[in-house]
C-alpha atoms as a PDB file:
ATOM      1  CA  MET A   1     -28.921  51.637-114.029  1.00  0.00           C
ATOM      2  CA  ILE A   2     -31.587  54.667-115.078  1.00  0.00           C
ATOM      3  CA  LYS A   3     -30.578  58.216-113.687  1.00  0.00           C
ATOM      4  CA  THR A   4     -33.279  59.256-110.973  1.00  0.00           C
ATOM      5  CA  ASP A   5     -35.019  62.728-111.721  1.00  0.00           C
ATOM      6  CA  LEU A   6     -34.306  65.285-108.795  1.00  0.00           C
ATOM      7  CA  ARG A   7     -37.442  66.195-109.125  1.00  0.00           C
ATOM      8  CA  ASP A   8     -38.946  62.966-107.964  1.00  0.00           C
ATOM      9  CA  VAL A   9     -36.195  62.785-105.209  1.00  0.00           C
ATOM     10  CA  TYR A  10     -37.331  65.934-104.296  1.00  0.00           C
ATOM     11  CA  ARG A  11     -41.131  65.287-104.211  1.00  0.00           C
ATOM     12  CA  ASP A  12     -40.014  62.255-101.798  1.00  0.00           C
ATOM     13  CA  TYR A  13     -37.823  64.431 -99.369  1.00  0.00           C
ATOM     14  CA  ILE A  14     -40.871  66.899 -99.136  1.00  0.00           C
ATOM     15  CA  ALA A  15     -43.449  63.631 -98.105  1.00  0.00           C
ATOM     16  CA  CYS A  16     -40.326  62.497 -95.549  1.00  0.00           C
ATOM     17  CA  LEU A  17     -41.088  65.848 -93.888  1.00  0.00           C
ATOM     18  CA  ASN A  18     -44.499  66.021 -93.990  1.00  0.00           C
ATOM     19  CA  LYS A  19     -44.414  62.734 -92.636  1.00  0.00           C
ATOM     20  CA  GLN A  20     -42.514  63.758 -90.205  1.00  0.00           C
ATOM     21  CA  ASP A  21     -40.560  60.314 -90.815  1.00  0.00           C
ATOM     22  CA  TRP A  22     -37.213  61.764 -89.545  1.00  0.00           C
ATOM     23  CA  PRO A  23     -35.709  57.938 -89.878  1.00  0.00           C
ATOM     24  CA  LYS A  24     -35.403  58.166 -93.177  1.00  0.00           C
ATOM     25  CA  LEU A  25     -34.557  62.045 -94.060  1.00  0.00           C
ATOM     26  CA  GLY A  26     -30.680  60.934 -94.206  1.00  0.00           C
ATOM     27  CA  GLN A  27     -31.820  59.496 -97.709  1.00  0.00           C
ATOM     28  CA  PHE A  28     -32.354  62.784 -98.844  1.00  0.00           C
ATOM     29  CA  VAL A  29     -30.272  65.554 -96.774  1.00  0.00           C
ATOM     30  CA  ASP A  30     -26.635  64.575 -96.325  1.00  0.00           C
ATOM     31  CA  ASP A  31     -24.587  64.775 -93.207  1.00  0.00           C
ATOM     32  CA  GLU A  32     -22.529  67.669 -93.338  1.00  0.00           C
ATOM     33  CA  VAL A  33     -25.568  69.579 -95.061  1.00  0.00           C
ATOM     34  CA  ILE A  34     -25.729  73.671 -95.043  1.00  0.00           C
ATOM     35  CA  HIS A  35     -28.447  75.722 -94.395  1.00  0.00           C
ATOM     36  CA  ASN A  36     -28.230  79.447 -95.712  1.00  0.00           C
ATOM     37  CA  GLY A  37     -24.562  79.275 -95.283  1.00  0.00           C
ATOM     38  CA  ARG A  38     -24.267  77.644 -91.137  1.00  0.00           C
ATOM     39  CA  ARG A  39     -23.385  73.854 -91.562  1.00  0.00           C
ATOM     40  CA  LEU A  40     -26.034  72.197 -89.357  1.00  0.00           C
ATOM     41  CA  GLY A  41     -25.074  68.877 -90.507  1.00  0.00           C
ATOM     42  CA  LEU A  42     -27.849  66.044 -90.823  1.00  0.00           C
ATOM     43  CA  SER A  43     -28.547  65.970 -86.708  1.00  0.00           C
ATOM     44  CA  GLY A  44     -28.571  70.180 -86.664  1.00  0.00           C
ATOM     45  CA  TYR A  45     -31.137  69.862 -89.963  1.00  0.00           C
ATOM     46  CA  ARG A  46     -32.784  67.431 -88.439  1.00  0.00           C
ATOM     47  CA  GLU A  47     -33.470  69.273 -84.612  1.00  0.00           C
ATOM     48  CA  MET A  48     -34.670  72.356 -86.797  1.00  0.00           C
ATOM     49  CA  LEU A  49     -37.305  70.447 -88.904  1.00  0.00           C
ATOM     50  CA  GLU A  50     -38.811  68.885 -85.358  1.00  0.00           C
ATOM     51  CA  ARG A  51     -38.609  72.827 -83.578  1.00  0.00           C
ATOM     52  CA  ASP A  52     -40.261  73.520 -86.783  1.00  0.00           C
ATOM     53  CA  PHE A  53     -42.972  70.843 -86.877  1.00  0.00           C
ATOM     54  CA  ASP A  54     -42.870  71.555 -82.355  1.00  0.00           C
ATOM     55  CA  GLU A  55     -43.755  75.179 -82.968  1.00  0.00           C
ATOM     56  CA  ILE A  56     -45.999  75.034 -86.024  1.00  0.00           C
ATOM     57  CA  PRO A  57     -48.371  72.097 -84.866  1.00  0.00           C
ATOM     58  CA  ASP A  58     -50.494  72.383 -88.370  1.00  0.00           C
ATOM     59  CA  LEU A  59     -47.406  72.889 -90.730  1.00  0.00           C
ATOM     60  CA  TYR A  60     -47.411  70.911 -94.201  1.00  0.00           C
ATOM     61  CA  PHE A  61     -45.049  71.500 -96.605  1.00  0.00           C
ATOM     62  CA  ASN A  62     -46.987  72.641-100.406  1.00  0.00           C
ATOM     63  CA  VAL A  63     -45.339  72.907-103.209  1.00  0.00           C
ATOM     64  CA  GLN A  64     -46.622  75.680-105.635  1.00  0.00           C
ATOM     65  CA  MET A  65     -43.290  75.704-107.978  1.00  0.00           C
ATOM     66  CA  LEU A  66     -40.916  74.002-108.943  1.00  0.00           C
ATOM     67  CA  ILE A  67     -38.260  74.076-111.231  1.00  0.00           C
ATOM     68  CA  SER A  68     -35.072  71.308-111.755  1.00  0.00           C
ATOM     69  CA  GLU A  69     -31.570  72.446-113.198  1.00  0.00           C
ATOM     70  CA  PRO A  70     -29.364  69.847-111.853  1.00  0.00           C
ATOM     71  CA  PRO A  71     -27.679  69.927-109.432  1.00  0.00           C
ATOM     72  CA  TYR A  72     -30.241  72.282-108.553  1.00  0.00           C
ATOM     73  CA  ILE A  73     -33.850  72.510-107.623  1.00  0.00           C
ATOM     74  CA  ALA A  74     -35.800  75.724-107.068  1.00  0.00           C
ATOM     75  CA  SER A  75     -39.103  75.191-105.522  1.00  0.00           C
ATOM     76  CA  ARG A  76     -41.577  77.716-103.925  1.00  0.00           C
ATOM     77  CA  LEU A  77     -42.675  76.403-100.865  1.00  0.00           C
ATOM     78  CA  GLY A  78     -46.674  77.528-100.057  1.00  0.00           C
ATOM     79  CA  PHE A  79     -47.785  77.275 -95.947  1.00  0.00           C
ATOM     80  CA  ASP A  80     -51.568  77.803 -94.436  1.00  0.00           C
ATOM     81  CA  CYS A  81     -50.732  77.066 -90.591  1.00  0.00           C
ATOM     82  CA  THR A  82     -50.966  77.898 -87.328  1.00  0.00           C
ATOM     83  CA  PRO A  83     -47.642  79.057 -85.550  1.00  0.00           C
ATOM     84  CA  LYS A  84     -48.439  78.724 -81.324  1.00  0.00           C
ATOM     85  CA  GLY A  85     -46.452  81.402 -80.202  1.00  0.00           C
ATOM     86  CA  THR A  86     -43.666  83.927 -82.206  1.00  0.00           C
ATOM     87  CA  PHE A  87     -42.875  83.183 -85.596  1.00  0.00           C
ATOM     88  CA  LEU A  88     -39.741  84.930 -87.416  1.00  0.00           C
ATOM     89  CA  GLY A  89     -39.981  87.619 -84.669  1.00  0.00           C
ATOM     90  CA  LEU A  90     -44.074  87.742 -84.833  1.00  0.00           C
ATOM     91  CA  PRO A  91     -46.296  87.491 -82.085  1.00  0.00           C
ATOM     92  CA  LEU A  92     -48.560  85.177 -83.694  1.00  0.00           C
ATOM     93  CA  GLY A  93     -49.997  83.086 -81.089  1.00  0.00           C
ATOM     94  CA  GLY A  94     -52.297  80.930 -82.862  1.00  0.00           C
ATOM     95  CA  MET A  95     -52.945  82.995 -85.154  1.00  0.00           C
ATOM     96  CA  LYS A  96     -53.306  80.884 -88.743  1.00  0.00           C
ATOM     97  CA  VAL A  97     -51.659  83.088 -91.502  1.00  0.00           C
ATOM     98  CA  SER A  98     -50.209  82.036 -95.115  1.00  0.00           C
ATOM     99  CA  PHE A  99     -46.981  82.643 -96.208  1.00  0.00           C
ATOM    100  CA  ALA A 100     -44.236  80.823 -99.091  1.00  0.00           C
ATOM    101  CA  GLU A 101     -40.696  79.900 -98.642  1.00  0.00           C
ATOM    102  CA  ASN A 102     -38.562  80.371-101.812  1.00  0.00           C
ATOM    103  CA  VAL A 103     -35.584  77.926-101.488  1.00  0.00           C
ATOM    104  CA  ILE A 104     -32.740  76.786-103.727  1.00  0.00           C
ATOM    105  CA  TYR A 105     -31.665  73.065-102.576  1.00  0.00           C
ATOM    106  CA  GLU A 106     -27.894  71.707-103.980  1.00  0.00           C
ATOM    107  CA  PHE A 107     -27.852  67.975-104.560  1.00  0.00           C
ATOM    108  CA  ARG A 108     -25.113  66.144-104.519  1.00  0.00           C
ATOM    109  CA  ASP A 109     -25.563  61.828-105.480  1.00  0.00           C
ATOM    110  CA  GLU A 110     -29.246  62.730-105.069  1.00  0.00           C
ATOM    111  CA  LYS A 111     -28.929  64.379-101.065  1.00  0.00           C
ATOM    112  CA  ILE A 112     -29.365  67.631-100.428  1.00  0.00           C
ATOM    113  CA  VAL A 113     -26.158  68.844 -99.465  1.00  0.00           C
ATOM    114  CA  GLN A 114     -26.664  73.000 -99.864  1.00  0.00           C
ATOM    115  CA  VAL A 115     -30.039  74.637 -98.621  1.00  0.00           C
ATOM    116  CA  TRP A 116     -30.668  78.558 -99.073  1.00  0.00           C
ATOM    117  CA  SER A 117     -34.254  79.109 -97.943  1.00  0.00           C
ATOM    118  CA  VAL A 118     -36.276  82.699 -97.763  1.00  0.00           C
ATOM    119  CA  ILE A 119     -39.525  83.160 -96.142  1.00  0.00           C
ATOM    120  CA  ASP A 120     -42.081  86.178 -97.166  1.00  0.00           C
ATOM    121  CA  LYS A 121     -41.942  87.794 -93.578  1.00  0.00           C
ATOM    122  CA  THR A 122     -43.764  90.787 -95.845  1.00  0.00           C
ATOM    123  CA  ALA A 123     -46.518  88.176 -95.989  1.00  0.00           C
ATOM    124  CA  ILE A 124     -47.049  87.464 -92.565  1.00  0.00           C
ATOM    125  CA  GLU A 125     -46.814  91.153 -91.328  1.00  0.00           C
ATOM    126  CA  ALA A 126     -49.890  91.906 -93.774  1.00  0.00           C
ATOM    127  CA  GLN A 127     -52.248  89.691 -91.885  1.00  0.00           C
ATOM    128  CA  LEU A 128     -51.239  90.999 -88.386  1.00  0.00           C
END
């Protein structure tokens, strides 16, 4: 059996998000996934992502940096997008903004079991 590189799994996960291929999400995310300390489960995680895409129609995950130290992946994601209304409590209402998100993922059996995420809100505030 060939050992899968977590970086490849992660890139496939990001491609899944960008395609909004929600039926495929379970291939990458564990049924009991935890996000920033909250157990969302796969259905809650999917709902969070669907809401993000609803609120930010041009959302696109751009991997700017990727570090793999199994079972962890650390990633810096870049975004250039246009939230429709309020985002992170900021009244953007269709304003195009650029920001980054720093995320650490824990994998088990090639699925994400835990996510720690911090969005650079200060970068968005500086654009207002």
